[in-house]
PDB file of N, CA and C in Angstrom:
ATOM      1  N   MET A   1      15.932  -1.606  18.820  1.00  0.00           N
ATOM      2  CA  MET A   1      16.059  -2.314  17.566  1.00  0.00           C
ATOM      3  C   MET A   1      14.812  -2.048  16.724  1.00  0.00           C
ATOM      4  N   GLU A   2      15.049  -1.629  15.511  1.00  0.00           N
ATOM      5  CA  GLU A   2      13.938  -1.336  14.611  1.00  0.00           C
ATOM      6  C   GLU A   2      13.698  -2.530  13.695  1.00  0.00           C
ATOM      7  N   LEU A   3      12.476  -3.008  13.696  1.00  0.00           N
ATOM      8  CA  LEU A   3      12.088  -4.099  12.810  1.00  0.00           C
ATOM      9  C   LEU A   3      11.224  -3.521  11.703  1.00  0.00           C
ATOM     10  N   LYS A   4      11.458  -3.973  10.486  1.00  0.00           N
ATOM     11  CA  LYS A   4      10.697  -3.481   9.338  1.00  0.00           C
ATOM     12  C   LYS A   4      10.289  -4.641   8.461  1.00  0.00           C
ATOM     13  N   LEU A   5       9.164  -4.438   7.795  1.00  0.00           N
ATOM     14  CA  LEU A   5       8.670  -5.420   6.847  1.00  0.00           C
ATOM     15  C   LEU A   5       7.958  -4.653   5.749  1.00  0.00           C
ATOM     16  N   ASN A   6       8.093  -5.105   4.522  1.00  0.00           N
ATOM     17  CA  ASN A   6       7.360  -4.429   3.456  1.00  0.00           C
ATOM     18  C   ASN A   6       6.504  -5.429   2.709  1.00  0.00           C
ATOM     19  N   GLY A   7       5.437  -4.918   2.129  1.00  0.00           N
ATOM     20  CA  GLY A   7       4.516  -5.766   1.395  1.00  0.00           C
ATOM     21  C   GLY A   7       3.326  -4.970   0.907  1.00  0.00           C
ATOM     22  N   ARG A   8       2.318  -5.686   0.476  1.00  0.00           N
ATOM     23  CA  ARG A   8       1.094  -5.083  -0.063  1.00  0.00           C
ATOM     24  C   ARG A   8      -0.028  -5.288   0.950  1.00  0.00           C
ATOM     25  N   ILE A   9      -0.793  -4.226   1.231  1.00  0.00           N
ATOM     26  CA  ILE A   9      -1.893  -4.332   2.190  1.00  0.00           C
ATOM     27  C   ILE A   9      -2.959  -5.263   1.631  1.00  0.00           C
ATOM     28  N   LYS A  10      -3.322  -6.252   2.426  1.00  0.00           N
ATOM     29  CA  LYS A  10      -4.341  -7.223   2.033  1.00  0.00           C
ATOM     30  C   LYS A  10      -5.675  -6.936   2.714  1.00  0.00           C
ATOM     31  N   VAL A  11      -5.632  -6.555   3.997  1.00  0.00           N
ATOM     32  CA  VAL A  11      -6.847  -6.320   4.793  1.00  0.00           C
ATOM     33  C   VAL A  11      -6.607  -5.139   5.718  1.00  0.00           C
ATOM     34  N   ILE A  12      -7.622  -4.284   5.853  1.00  0.00           N
ATOM     35  CA  ILE A  12      -7.628  -3.239   6.886  1.00  0.00           C
ATOM     36  C   ILE A  12      -8.947  -3.386   7.625  1.00  0.00           C
ATOM     37  N   ASN A  13      -8.880  -3.758   8.900  1.00  0.00           N
ATOM     38  CA  ASN A  13     -10.094  -3.937   9.708  1.00  0.00           C
ATOM     39  C   ASN A  13     -10.567  -2.608  10.285  1.00  0.00           C
ATOM     40  N   GLU A  14     -11.793  -2.609  10.778  1.00  0.00           N
ATOM     41  CA  GLU A  14     -12.351  -1.437  11.446  1.00  0.00           C
ATOM     42  C   GLU A  14     -11.661  -1.243  12.796  1.00  0.00           C
ATOM     43  N   THR A  15     -11.705  -0.021  13.296  1.00  0.00           N
ATOM     44  CA  THR A  15     -11.134   0.286  14.604  1.00  0.00           C
ATOM     45  C   THR A  15     -11.983  -0.344  15.700  1.00  0.00           C
ATOM     46  N   GLN A  16     -11.322  -0.975  16.670  1.00  0.00           N
ATOM     47  CA  GLN A  16     -11.993  -1.552  17.837  1.00  0.00           C
ATOM     48  C   GLN A  16     -11.728  -0.616  19.015  1.00  0.00           C
ATOM     49  N   SER A  17     -12.770  -0.311  19.790  1.00  0.00           N
ATOM     50  CA  SER A  17     -12.635   0.565  20.950  1.00  0.00           C
ATOM     51  C   SER A  17     -13.213  -0.104  22.186  1.00  0.00           C
ATOM     52  N   TRP A  18     -12.633   0.207  23.351  1.00  0.00           N
ATOM     53  CA  TRP A  18     -13.084  -0.325  24.625  1.00  0.00           C
ATOM     54  C   TRP A  18     -13.467   0.824  25.543  1.00  0.00           C
ATOM     55  N   ASP A  19     -14.231   0.506  26.584  1.00  0.00           N
ATOM     56  CA  ASP A  19     -14.696   1.518  27.547  1.00  0.00           C
ATOM     57  C   ASP A  19     -13.538   2.238  28.232  1.00  0.00           C
ATOM     58  N   SER A  20     -12.413   1.576  28.351  1.00  0.00           N
ATOM     59  CA  SER A  20     -11.256   2.180  29.015  1.00  0.00           C
ATOM     60  C   SER A  20     -10.635   3.303  28.188  1.00  0.00           C
ATOM     61  N   GLY A  21     -11.051   3.431  26.923  1.00  0.00           N
ATOM     62  CA  GLY A  21     -10.483   4.449  26.050  1.00  0.00           C
ATOM     63  C   GLY A  21      -9.436   3.898  25.094  1.00  0.00           C
ATOM     64  N   PHE A  22      -9.077   2.635  25.287  1.00  0.00           N
ATOM     65  CA  PHE A  22      -8.090   1.998  24.415  1.00  0.00           C
ATOM     66  C   PHE A  22      -8.735   1.659  23.074  1.00  0.00           C
ATOM     67  N   SER A  23      -7.999   1.870  22.007  1.00  0.00           N
ATOM     68  CA  SER A  23      -8.493   1.486  20.685  1.00  0.00           C
ATOM     69  C   SER A  23      -7.344   0.910  19.865  1.00  0.00           C
ATOM     70  N   LYS A  24      -7.702   0.028  18.943  1.00  0.00           N
ATOM     71  CA  LYS A  24      -6.700  -0.547  18.051  1.00  0.00           C
ATOM     72  C   LYS A  24      -7.360  -0.884  16.721  1.00  0.00           C
ATOM     73  N   ARG A  25      -6.518  -0.994  15.713  1.00  0.00           N
ATOM     74  CA  ARG A  25      -6.977  -1.355  14.380  1.00  0.00           C
ATOM     75  C   ARG A  25      -5.971  -2.330  13.796  1.00  0.00           C
ATOM     76  N   GLU A  26      -6.464  -3.449  13.314  1.00  0.00           N
ATOM     77  CA  GLU A  26      -5.584  -4.474  12.767  1.00  0.00           C
ATOM     78  C   GLU A  26      -5.572  -4.401  11.244  1.00  0.00           C
ATOM     79  N   PHE A  27      -4.412  -4.738  10.684  1.00  0.00           N
ATOM     80  CA  PHE A  27      -4.290  -4.811   9.232  1.00  0.00           C
ATOM     81  C   PHE A  27      -3.302  -5.916   8.880  1.00  0.00           C
ATOM     82  N   VAL A  28      -3.414  -6.399   7.649  1.00  0.00           N
ATOM     83  CA  VAL A  28      -2.588  -7.513   7.182  1.00  0.00           C
ATOM     84  C   VAL A  28      -1.858  -7.078   5.932  1.00  0.00           C
ATOM     85  N   ILE A  29      -0.563  -7.395   5.869  1.00  0.00           N
ATOM     86  CA  ILE A  29       0.170  -7.191   4.627  1.00  0.00           C
ATOM     87  C   ILE A  29       0.668  -8.545   4.132  1.00  0.00           C
ATOM     88  N   THR A  30       0.798  -8.652   2.827  1.00  0.00           N
ATOM     89  CA  THR A  30       1.363  -9.845   2.199  1.00  0.00           C
ATOM     90  C   THR A  30       2.755  -9.472   1.725  1.00  0.00           C
ATOM     91  N   THR A  31       3.749 -10.193   2.226  1.00  0.00           N
ATOM     92  CA  THR A  31       5.127  -9.914   1.838  1.00  0.00           C
ATOM     93  C   THR A  31       5.322 -10.290   0.383  1.00  0.00           C
ATOM     94  N   GLN A  32       6.308  -9.679  -0.229  1.00  0.00           N
ATOM     95  CA  GLN A  32       6.593  -9.937  -1.635  1.00  0.00           C
ATOM     96  C   GLN A  32       7.949 -10.614  -1.734  1.00  0.00           C
ATOM     97  N   GLU A  33       7.934 -11.908  -1.528  1.00  0.00           N
ATOM     98  CA  GLU A  33       9.147 -12.708  -1.585  1.00  0.00           C
ATOM     99  C   GLU A  33       8.812 -14.028  -2.250  1.00  0.00           C
ATOM    100  N   GLN A  34       9.768 -14.914  -2.329  1.00  0.00           N
ATOM    101  CA  GLN A  34       9.530 -16.184  -3.019  1.00  0.00           C
ATOM    102  C   GLN A  34       8.351 -16.943  -2.424  1.00  0.00           C
ATOM    103  N   TYR A  35       8.245 -16.959  -1.108  1.00  0.00           N
ATOM    104  CA  TYR A  35       7.128 -17.604  -0.423  1.00  0.00           C
ATOM    105  C   TYR A  35       6.404 -16.527   0.387  1.00  0.00           C
ATOM    106  N   PRO A  36       5.424 -15.832  -0.222  1.00  0.00           N
ATOM    107  CA  PRO A  36       4.749 -14.722   0.457  1.00  0.00           C
ATOM    108  C   PRO A  36       4.069 -15.162   1.753  1.00  0.00           C
ATOM    109  N   GLN A  37       4.116 -14.270   2.727  1.00  0.00           N
ATOM    110  CA  GLN A  37       3.510 -14.506   4.031  1.00  0.00           C
ATOM    111  C   GLN A  37       2.476 -13.416   4.298  1.00  0.00           C
ATOM    112  N   ASP A  38       1.356 -13.779   4.899  1.00  0.00           N
ATOM    113  CA  ASP A  38       0.374 -12.805   5.366  1.00  0.00           C
ATOM    114  C   ASP A  38       0.691 -12.520   6.827  1.00  0.00           C
ATOM    115  N   VAL A  39       1.007 -11.260   7.136  1.00  0.00           N
ATOM    116  CA  VAL A  39       1.439 -10.879   8.481  1.00  0.00           C
ATOM    117  C   VAL A  39       0.462  -9.842   9.028  1.00  0.00           C
ATOM    118  N   LYS A  40      -0.079 -10.120  10.235  1.00  0.00           N
ATOM    119  CA  LYS A  40      -1.049  -9.221  10.866  1.00  0.00           C
ATOM    120  C   LYS A  40      -0.336  -8.272  11.824  1.00  0.00           C
ATOM    121  N   PHE A  41      -0.647  -6.989  11.700  1.00  0.00           N
ATOM    122  CA  PHE A  41      -0.139  -5.951  12.587  1.00  0.00           C
ATOM    123  C   PHE A  41      -1.312  -5.297  13.281  1.00  0.00           C
ATOM    124  N   GLU A  42      -1.016  -4.558  14.341  1.00  0.00           N
ATOM    125  CA  GLU A  42      -2.031  -3.732  14.978  1.00  0.00           C
ATOM    126  C   GLU A  42      -1.463  -2.332  15.158  1.00  0.00           C
ATOM    127  N   ALA A  43      -2.332  -1.351  14.955  1.00  0.00           N
ATOM    128  CA  ALA A  43      -2.006   0.042  15.214  1.00  0.00           C
ATOM    129  C   ALA A  43      -2.870   0.463  16.398  1.00  0.00           C
ATOM    130  N   VAL A  44      -2.240   0.968  17.448  1.00  0.00           N
ATOM    131  CA  VAL A  44      -2.981   1.282  18.667  1.00  0.00           C
ATOM    132  C   VAL A  44      -3.115   2.789  18.847  1.00  0.00           C
ATOM    133  N   LYS A  45      -4.147   3.156  19.600  1.00  0.00           N
ATOM    134  CA  LYS A  45      -4.460   4.534  19.973  1.00  0.00           C
ATOM    135  C   LYS A  45      -4.506   5.440  18.753  1.00  0.00           C
ATOM    136  N   GLU A  46      -3.741   6.544  18.755  1.00  0.00           N
ATOM    137  CA  GLU A  46      -3.811   7.504  17.659  1.00  0.00           C
ATOM    138  C   GLU A  46      -3.232   6.973  16.355  1.00  0.00           C
ATOM    139  N   LYS A  47      -2.412   5.938  16.405  1.00  0.00           N
ATOM    140  CA  LYS A  47      -1.851   5.351  15.177  1.00  0.00           C
ATOM    141  C   LYS A  47      -2.924   4.659  14.344  1.00  0.00           C
ATOM    142  N   ALA A  48      -4.031   4.254  14.973  1.00  0.00           N
ATOM    143  CA  ALA A  48      -5.114   3.575  14.249  1.00  0.00           C
ATOM    144  C   ALA A  48      -5.704   4.484  13.176  1.00  0.00           C
ATOM    145  N   ALA A  49      -5.780   5.774  13.442  1.00  0.00           N
ATOM    146  CA  ALA A  49      -6.362   6.712  12.483  1.00  0.00           C
ATOM    147  C   ALA A  49      -5.480   6.893  11.248  1.00  0.00           C
ATOM    148  N   THR A  50      -4.180   6.639  11.370  1.00  0.00           N
ATOM    149  CA  THR A  50      -3.299   6.803  10.208  1.00  0.00           C
ATOM    150  C   THR A  50      -3.626   5.803   9.095  1.00  0.00           C
ATOM    151  N   LEU A  51      -4.274   4.706   9.444  1.00  0.00           N
ATOM    152  CA  LEU A  51      -4.640   3.721   8.422  1.00  0.00           C
ATOM    153  C   LEU A  51      -5.734   4.228   7.488  1.00  0.00           C
ATOM    154  N   ASP A  52      -6.408   5.325   7.853  1.00  0.00           N
ATOM    155  CA  ASP A  52      -7.428   5.903   6.980  1.00  0.00           C
ATOM    156  C   ASP A  52      -6.834   6.392   5.665  1.00  0.00           C
ATOM    157  N   THR A  53      -5.546   6.691   5.654  1.00  0.00           N
ATOM    158  CA  THR A  53      -4.900   7.215   4.444  1.00  0.00           C
ATOM    159  C   THR A  53      -4.392   6.113   3.521  1.00  0.00           C
ATOM    160  N   PHE A  54      -4.601   4.861   3.904  1.00  0.00           N
ATOM    161  CA  PHE A  54      -4.140   3.731   3.103  1.00  0.00           C
ATOM    162  C   PHE A  54      -5.330   2.935   2.573  1.00  0.00           C
ATOM    163  N   ALA A  55      -5.080   2.168   1.520  1.00  0.00           N
ATOM    164  CA  ALA A  55      -6.130   1.339   0.923  1.00  0.00           C
ATOM    165  C   ALA A  55      -5.581  -0.053   0.652  1.00  0.00           C
ATOM    166  N   VAL A  56      -6.475  -1.006   0.564  1.00  0.00           N
ATOM    167  CA  VAL A  56      -6.075  -2.367   0.208  1.00  0.00           C
ATOM    168  C   VAL A  56      -5.370  -2.312  -1.140  1.00  0.00           C
ATOM    169  N   GLY A  57      -4.237  -2.977  -1.239  1.00  0.00           N
ATOM    170  CA  GLY A  57      -3.459  -2.990  -2.478  1.00  0.00           C
ATOM    171  C   GLY A  57      -2.267  -2.057  -2.462  1.00  0.00           C
ATOM    172  N   ASP A  58      -2.204  -1.134  -1.478  1.00  0.00           N
ATOM    173  CA  ASP A  58      -1.056  -0.230  -1.387  1.00  0.00           C
ATOM    174  C   ASP A  58       0.189  -0.996  -0.966  1.00  0.00           C
ATOM    175  N   ASN A  59       1.323  -0.630  -1.572  1.00  0.00           N
ATOM    176  CA  ASN A  59       2.607  -1.164  -1.133  1.00  0.00           C
ATOM    177  C   ASN A  59       3.108  -0.298   0.013  1.00  0.00           C
ATOM    178  N   VAL A  60       3.506  -0.936   1.107  1.00  0.00           N
ATOM    179  CA  VAL A  60       3.912  -0.189   2.295  1.00  0.00           C
ATOM    180  C   VAL A  60       5.151  -0.792   2.941  1.00  0.00           C
ATOM    181  N   ASP A  61       5.853   0.061   3.676  1.00  0.00           N
ATOM    182  CA  ASP A  61       6.896  -0.353   4.614  1.00  0.00           C
ATOM    183  C   ASP A  61       6.318  -0.152   5.997  1.00  0.00           C
ATOM    184  N   VAL A  62       6.434  -1.148   6.852  1.00  0.00           N
ATOM    185  CA  VAL A  62       5.893  -1.066   8.204  1.00  0.00           C
ATOM    186  C   VAL A  62       7.041  -1.217   9.200  1.00  0.00           C
ATOM    187  N   ALA A  63       7.209  -0.236  10.067  1.00  0.00           N
ATOM    188  CA  ALA A  63       8.148  -0.331  11.179  1.00  0.00           C
ATOM    189  C   ALA A  63       7.322  -0.733  12.396  1.00  0.00           C
ATOM    190  N   PHE A  64       7.802  -1.714  13.150  1.00  0.00           N
ATOM    191  CA  PHE A  64       6.985  -2.253  14.234  1.00  0.00           C
ATOM    192  C   PHE A  64       7.829  -2.732  15.402  1.00  0.00           C
ATOM    193  N   ASN A  65       7.157  -2.924  16.529  1.00  0.00           N
ATOM    194  CA  ASN A  65       7.741  -3.511  17.737  1.00  0.00           C
ATOM    195  C   ASN A  65       7.036  -4.824  18.020  1.00  0.00           C
ATOM    196  N   VAL A  66       7.754  -5.747  18.604  1.00  0.00           N
ATOM    197  CA  VAL A  66       7.171  -7.020  19.019  1.00  0.00           C
ATOM    198  C   VAL A  66       6.765  -6.879  20.479  1.00  0.00           C
ATOM    199  N   ARG A  67       5.515  -7.166  20.772  1.00  0.00           N
ATOM    200  CA  ARG A  67       4.993  -7.082  22.135  1.00  0.00           C
ATOM    201  C   ARG A  67       4.467  -8.448  22.548  1.00  0.00           C
ATOM    202  N   GLY A  68       4.821  -8.860  23.742  1.00  0.00           N
ATOM    203  CA  GLY A  68       4.352 -10.140  24.248  1.00  0.00           C
ATOM    204  C   GLY A  68       3.759  -9.975  25.636  1.00  0.00           C
ATOM    205  N   ASN A  69       2.782 -10.808  25.952  1.00  0.00           N
ATOM    206  CA  ASN A  69       2.188 -10.775  27.292  1.00  0.00           C
ATOM    207  C   ASN A  69       1.615 -12.146  27.640  1.00  0.00           C
ATOM    208  N   GLU A  70       1.332 -12.319  28.922  1.00  0.00           N
ATOM    209  CA  GLU A  70       0.763 -13.566  29.444  1.00  0.00           C
ATOM    210  C   GLU A  70      -0.592 -13.240  30.044  1.00  0.00           C
ATOM    211  N   TYR A  71      -1.576 -14.100  29.775  1.00  0.00           N
ATOM    212  CA  TYR A  71      -2.910 -13.935  30.343  1.00  0.00           C
ATOM    213  C   TYR A  71      -3.469 -15.312  30.627  1.00  0.00           C
ATOM    214  N   ASN A  72      -3.762 -15.583  31.905  1.00  0.00           N
ATOM    215  CA  ASN A  72      -4.305 -16.876  32.341  1.00  0.00           C
ATOM    216  C   ASN A  72      -3.463 -18.058  31.876  1.00  0.00           C
ATOM    217  N   GLY A  73      -2.162 -17.902  31.970  1.00  0.00           N
ATOM    218  CA  GLY A  73      -1.264 -18.999  31.627  1.00  0.00           C
ATOM    219  C   GLY A  73      -1.016 -19.179  30.140  1.00  0.00           C
ATOM    220  N   LYS A  74      -1.561 -18.308  29.316  1.00  0.00           N
ATOM    221  CA  LYS A  74      -1.320 -18.374  27.872  1.00  0.00           C
ATOM    222  C   LYS A  74      -0.497 -17.161  27.457  1.00  0.00           C
ATOM    223  N   TYR A  75       0.348 -17.357  26.476  1.00  0.00           N
ATOM    224  CA  TYR A  75       1.238 -16.294  26.024  1.00  0.00           C
ATOM    225  C   TYR A  75       0.826 -15.817  24.644  1.00  0.00           C
ATOM    226  N   TYR A  76       0.892 -14.499  24.455  1.00  0.00           N
ATOM    227  CA  TYR A  76       0.456 -13.868  23.219  1.00  0.00           C
ATOM    228  C   TYR A  76       1.548 -12.951  22.701  1.00  0.00           C
ATOM    229  N   VAL A  77       1.637 -12.863  21.387  1.00  0.00           N
ATOM    230  CA  VAL A  77       2.596 -11.974  20.734  1.00  0.00           C
ATOM    231  C   VAL A  77       1.831 -11.094  19.753  1.00  0.00           C
ATOM    232  N   ASN A  78       2.099  -9.797  19.792  1.00  0.00           N
ATOM    233  CA  ASN A  78       1.492  -8.849  18.857  1.00  0.00           C
ATOM    234  C   ASN A  78       2.590  -8.058  18.176  1.00  0.00           C
ATOM    235  N   LEU A  79       2.356  -7.695  16.933  1.00  0.00           N
ATOM    236  CA  LEU A  79       3.262  -6.829  16.194  1.00  0.00           C
ATOM    237  C   LEU A  79       2.603  -5.455  16.122  1.00  0.00           C
ATOM    238  N   GLN A  80       3.154  -4.510  16.891  1.00  0.00           N
ATOM    239  CA  GLN A  80       2.565  -3.165  16.960  1.00  0.00           C
ATOM    240  C   GLN A  80       3.275  -2.234  15.983  1.00  0.00           C
ATOM    241  N   ALA A  81       2.533  -1.831  14.952  1.00  0.00           N
ATOM    242  CA  ALA A  81       3.072  -0.912  13.956  1.00  0.00           C
ATOM    243  C   ALA A  81       3.149   0.487  14.551  1.00  0.00           C
ATOM    244  N   TRP A  82       4.267   1.136  14.380  1.00  0.00           N
ATOM    245  CA  TRP A  82       4.392   2.511  14.860  1.00  0.00           C
ATOM    246  C   TRP A  82       4.689   3.478  13.729  1.00  0.00           C
ATOM    247  N   LYS A  83       5.009   2.957  12.547  1.00  0.00           N
ATOM    248  CA  LYS A  83       5.207   3.830  11.392  1.00  0.00           C
ATOM    249  C   LYS A  83       4.860   3.044  10.134  1.00  0.00           C
ATOM    250  N   ILE A  84       4.068   3.659   9.262  1.00  0.00           N
ATOM    251  CA  ILE A  84       3.679   3.029   8.002  1.00  0.00           C
ATOM    252  C   ILE A  84       3.938   4.045   6.892  1.00  0.00           C
ATOM    253  N   ASN A  85       4.713   3.629   5.905  1.00  0.00           N
ATOM    254  CA  ASN A  85       5.006   4.498   4.770  1.00  0.00           C
ATOM    255  C   ASN A  85       4.548   3.841   3.487  1.00  0.00           C
ATOM    256  N   LYS A  86       3.911   4.627   2.631  1.00  0.00           N
ATOM    257  CA  LYS A  86       3.518   4.126   1.324  1.00  0.00           C
ATOM    258  C   LYS A  86       4.757   4.059   0.448  1.00  0.00           C
ATOM    259  N   VAL A  87       4.890   2.963  -0.307  1.00  0.00           N
ATOM    260  CA  VAL A  87       6.021   2.774  -1.197  1.00  0.00           C
ATOM    261  C   VAL A  87       5.520   2.903  -2.621  1.00  0.00           C
ATOM    262  N   ASP A  88       6.222   3.651  -3.430  1.00  0.00           N
ATOM    263  CA  ASP A  88       5.844   3.832  -4.826  1.00  0.00           C
ATOM    264  C   ASP A  88       6.126   2.550  -5.588  1.00  0.00           C
ATOM    265  N   ALA A  89       5.086   1.909  -6.083  1.00  0.00           N
ATOM    266  CA  ALA A  89       5.235   0.636  -6.797  1.00  0.00           C
ATOM    267  C   ALA A  89       5.920   0.821  -8.134  1.00  0.00           C
ATOM    268  N   SER A  90       5.882   2.035  -8.704  1.00  0.00           N
ATOM    269  CA  SER A  90       6.494   2.251 -10.004  1.00  0.00           C
ATOM    270  C   SER A  90       7.984   2.542  -9.895  1.00  0.00           C
ATOM    271  N   ALA A  91       8.468   2.757  -8.669  1.00  0.00           N
ATOM    272  CA  ALA A  91       9.895   3.009  -8.499  1.00  0.00           C
ATOM    273  C   ALA A  91      10.668   1.746  -8.823  1.00  0.00           C
ATOM    274  N   PRO A  92      11.805   1.895  -9.479  1.00  0.00           N
ATOM    275  CA  PRO A  92      12.564   0.700  -9.823  1.00  0.00           C
ATOM    276  C   PRO A  92      13.080   0.008  -8.568  1.00  0.00           C
ATOM    277  N   ALA A  93      13.044  -1.291  -8.603  1.00  0.00           N
ATOM    278  CA  ALA A  93      13.554  -2.064  -7.470  1.00  0.00           C
ATOM    279  C   ALA A  93      15.065  -1.905  -7.415  1.00  0.00           C
ATOM    280  N   ALA A  94      15.630  -2.181  -6.277  1.00  0.00           N
ATOM    281  CA  ALA A  94      17.072  -2.086  -6.129  1.00  0.00           C
ATOM    282  C   ALA A  94      17.741  -3.007  -7.140  1.00  0.00           C
ATOM    283  N   ALA A  95      18.769  -2.489  -7.759  1.00  0.00           N
ATOM    284  CA  ALA A  95      19.459  -3.286  -8.780  1.00  0.00           C
ATOM    285  C   ALA A  95      20.132  -4.469  -8.132  1.00  0.00           C
ATOM    286  N   PRO A  96      20.011  -5.633  -8.736  1.00  0.00           N
ATOM    287  CA  PRO A  96      20.670  -6.800  -8.163  1.00  0.00           C
ATOM    288  C   PRO A  96      22.178  -6.653  -8.255  1.00  0.00           C
ATOM    289  N   THR A  97      22.871  -7.303  -7.365  1.00  0.00           N
ATOM    290  CA  THR A  97      24.321  -7.272  -7.365  1.00  0.00           C
ATOM    291  C   THR A  97      24.832  -7.924  -8.638  1.00  0.00           C
ATOM    292  N   PRO A  98      25.721  -7.247  -9.368  1.00  0.00           N
ATOM    293  CA  PRO A  98      26.199  -7.853 -10.608  1.00  0.00           C
ATOM    294  C   PRO A  98      26.982  -9.125 -10.322  1.00  0.00           C
ATOM    295  N   GLN A  99      26.780 -10.101 -11.160  1.00  0.00           N
ATOM    296  CA  GLN A  99      27.460 -11.375 -11.020  1.00  0.00           C
ATOM    297  C   GLN A  99      28.679 -11.394 -11.937  1.00  0.00           C
ATOM    298  N   MET A 100      29.722 -11.984 -11.464  1.00  0.00           N
ATOM    299  CA  MET A 100      30.914 -12.123 -12.290  1.00  0.00           C
ATOM    300  C   MET A 100      30.641 -13.192 -13.338  1.00  0.00           C
ATOM    301  N   PRO A 101      31.055 -12.956 -14.573  1.00  0.00           N
ATOM    302  CA  PRO A 101      30.824 -13.969 -15.596  1.00  0.00           C
ATOM    303  C   PRO A 101      31.676 -15.197 -15.318  1.00  0.00           C
ATOM    304  N   ASP A 102      31.152 -16.333 -15.699  1.00  0.00           N
ATOM    305  CA  ASP A 102      31.911 -17.567 -15.557  1.00  0.00           C
ATOM    306  C   ASP A 102      32.994 -17.580 -16.623  1.00  0.00           C
ATOM    307  N   THR A 103      34.219 -17.655 -16.195  1.00  0.00           N
ATOM    308  CA  THR A 103      35.321 -17.714 -17.148  1.00  0.00           C
ATOM    309  C   THR A 103      36.147 -18.940 -16.847  1.00  0.00           C
ATOM    310  N   VAL A 104      36.651 -19.501 -17.871  1.00  0.00           N
ATOM    311  CA  VAL A 104      37.499 -20.674 -17.738  1.00  0.00           C
ATOM    312  C   VAL A 104      38.894 -20.275 -18.178  1.00  0.00           C
ATOM    313  N   ILE A 105      39.840 -20.482 -17.315  1.00  0.00           N
ATOM    314  CA  ILE A 105      41.220 -20.178 -17.648  1.00  0.00           C
ATOM    315  C   ILE A 105      41.917 -21.506 -17.885  1.00  0.00           C
ATOM    316  N   GLU A 106      42.399 -21.642 -19.070  1.00  0.00           N
ATOM    317  CA  GLU A 106      43.101 -22.872 -19.413  1.00  0.00           C
ATOM    318  C   GLU A 106      44.584 -22.590 -19.430  1.00  0.00           C
ATOM    319  N   SER A 107      45.337 -23.512 -18.924  1.00  0.00           N
ATOM    320  CA  SER A 107      46.791 -23.351 -18.971  1.00  0.00           C
ATOM    321  C   SER A 107      47.336 -24.298 -20.020  1.00  0.00           C
ATOM    322  N   SER A 108      48.364 -23.831 -20.649  1.00  0.00           N
ATOM    323  CA  SER A 108      48.973 -24.695 -21.655  1.00  0.00           C
ATOM    324  C   SER A 108      49.975 -25.614 -20.981  1.00  0.00           C
ATOM    325  N   ALA A 109      50.253 -26.707 -21.588  1.00  0.00           N
ATOM    326  CA  ALA A 109      51.184 -27.694 -21.019  1.00  0.00           C
ATOM    327  C   ALA A 109      52.597 -27.148 -20.986  1.00  0.00           C
ATOM    328  N   ASP A 110      52.892 -26.108 -21.783  1.00  0.00           N
ATOM    329  CA  ASP A 110      54.245 -25.551 -21.841  1.00  0.00           C
ATOM    330  C   ASP A 110      54.567 -24.693 -20.629  1.00  0.00           C
ATOM    331  N   GLU A 111      53.535 -24.120 -19.989  1.00  0.00           N
ATOM    332  CA  GLU A 111      53.759 -23.233 -18.851  1.00  0.00           C
ATOM    333  C   GLU A 111      54.193 -24.028 -17.632  1.00  0.00           C
ATOM    334  N   GLU A 112      55.143 -23.469 -16.906  1.00  0.00           N
ATOM    335  CA  GLU A 112      55.608 -24.133 -15.684  1.00  0.00           C
ATOM    336  C   GLU A 112      54.669 -23.768 -14.539  1.00  0.00           C
ATOM    337  N   ASP A 113      54.250 -24.758 -13.781  1.00  0.00           N
ATOM    338  CA  ASP A 113      53.353 -24.555 -12.643  1.00  0.00           C
ATOM    339  C   ASP A 113      54.210 -24.172 -11.449  1.00  0.00           C
ATOM    340  N   ASP A 114      54.031 -22.939 -10.935  1.00  0.00           N
ATOM    341  CA  ASP A 114      54.844 -22.500  -9.808  1.00  0.00           C
ATOM    342  C   ASP A 114      54.135 -22.629  -8.471  1.00  0.00           C
ATOM    343  N   LEU A 115      53.022 -23.338  -8.444  1.00  0.00           N
ATOM    344  CA  LEU A 115      52.316 -23.553  -7.184  1.00  0.00           C
ATOM    345  C   LEU A 115      53.058 -24.606  -6.360  1.00  0.00           C
ATOM    346  N   PRO A 116      53.102 -24.428  -5.017  1.00  0.00           N
ATOM    347  CA  PRO A 116      53.854 -25.359  -4.175  1.00  0.00           C
ATOM    348  C   PRO A 116      53.148 -26.683  -3.956  1.00  0.00           C
ATOM    349  N   PHE A 117      52.006 -26.916  -4.496  1.00  0.00           N
ATOM    350  CA  PHE A 117      51.302 -28.171  -4.276  1.00  0.00           C
ATOM    351  C   PHE A 117      50.805 -28.740  -5.569  1.00  0.00           C
TER     352      PHE A 117
END
């Protein structure tokens, strides 16, 4: 299952590295909806370097996986980004679905009502 979220990059943190060779880089995007949310993602290993091509303020689509683990009786959830695409902010947004106009149909008293109820 592919999960996606789009928004504007708010924060890009520095890469964190450990002696084991593991590295990760966290970033935050702000969704663009009625009630915007700040959502933190992490890019691990070689994906961390891909964030060098992005800047705060860029509009992006993020494809991610949900990862969960337990440590000392506590449970943690991480959103691991595996693909980040820059979105052109000048591109027109998807056209909204056209709405049918409100019409009122009046019947005259002379017409016979053929409805069974």
